[in-house]
């Protein structure tokens, strides 16, 4: 039976969105680095804090425990 470990990568929305809808290079770098370590994204969650404004975007990642 496979076993998994999980972690989260939380990115401030102010750093995330540049009003073009693109993910910034710093976030892509971190996701690629995590992928090279065996992590894969399983969920992306926008976290609204006040008045429906998204303040953070959280990536949930998993990898198999060996």
Protein backbone atom coordinates (compact mmCIF):
# COMPACT_ATOMS: atom_id res chain seq x y z
CA UNK A 1 0.00 0.00 0.00
CA UNK A 2 1.38 3.42 -0.97
CA UNK A 3 1.95 6.07 1.68
CA UNK A 4 2.00 9.79 0.97
CA UNK A 5 3.32 12.89 2.64
CA UNK A 6 1.84 16.32 2.04
CA UNK A 7 2.98 19.92 2.26
CA UNK A 8 1.68 23.32 1.31
CA UNK A 9 3.18 26.18 -0.62
CA UNK A 10 1.47 29.46 0.24
CA UNK A 11 1.91 32.47 -2.04
CA UNK A 12 0.63 35.95 -1.26
CA UNK A 13 -1.83 37.02 -3.93
CA UNK A 14 -0.09 40.41 -4.17
CA UNK A 15 3.02 38.50 -5.28
CA UNK A 16 1.02 36.02 -7.34
CA UNK A 17 -1.11 38.11 -9.70
CA UNK A 18 0.34 40.78 -11.93
CA UNK A 19 -3.13 41.55 -13.37
CA UNK A 20 -2.27 39.56 -16.50
CA UNK A 21 -3.42 36.28 -14.94
CA UNK A 22 0.09 34.80 -15.16
CA UNK A 23 1.91 32.96 -12.43
CA UNK A 24 5.13 34.84 -11.52
CA UNK A 25 8.50 33.25 -12.30
CA UNK A 26 9.35 32.91 -8.59
CA UNK A 27 6.32 30.68 -8.06
CA UNK A 28 7.06 28.63 -11.20
CA UNK A 29 10.65 28.18 -9.98
CA UNK A 30 9.46 26.88 -6.59
CA UNK A 31 6.93 24.52 -8.21
CA UNK A 32 9.60 23.16 -10.60
CA UNK A 33 12.06 22.71 -7.73
CA UNK A 34 9.41 20.85 -5.74
CA UNK A 35 8.59 18.68 -8.77
CA UNK A 36 12.26 17.73 -9.12
CA UNK A 37 12.10 16.52 -5.49
CA UNK A 38 9.14 14.27 -6.31
CA UNK A 39 6.31 16.57 -5.21
CA UNK A 40 3.19 16.98 -7.33
CA UNK A 41 0.42 19.56 -7.04
CA UNK A 42 -2.89 17.98 -6.07
CA UNK A 43 -4.93 21.09 -5.22
CA UNK A 44 -4.78 24.86 -5.60
CA UNK A 45 -6.87 26.91 -3.17
CA UNK A 46 -7.45 30.67 -3.31
CA UNK A 47 -7.88 31.91 0.26
CA UNK A 48 -10.23 34.84 0.63
CA UNK A 49 -9.69 36.76 3.86
CA UNK A 50 -11.84 39.90 3.83
CA UNK A 51 -14.71 41.04 1.62
CA UNK A 52 -14.07 38.14 -0.79
CA UNK A 53 -10.62 39.45 -1.74
CA UNK A 54 -8.06 36.71 -2.39
CA UNK A 55 -5.05 37.33 -0.17
CA UNK A 56 -3.24 34.00 -0.60
CA UNK A 57 -3.08 31.13 -3.06
CA UNK A 58 -2.17 27.81 -1.46
CA UNK A 59 -0.77 24.87 -3.40
CA UNK A 60 -1.17 21.43 -1.76
CA UNK A 61 1.55 19.02 -2.84
CA UNK A 62 2.11 15.32 -2.21
CA UNK A 63 4.82 12.74 -2.80
CA UNK A 64 5.15 9.08 -2.10
CA UNK A 65 6.97 8.10 1.08
CA UNK A 66 9.69 5.58 0.32
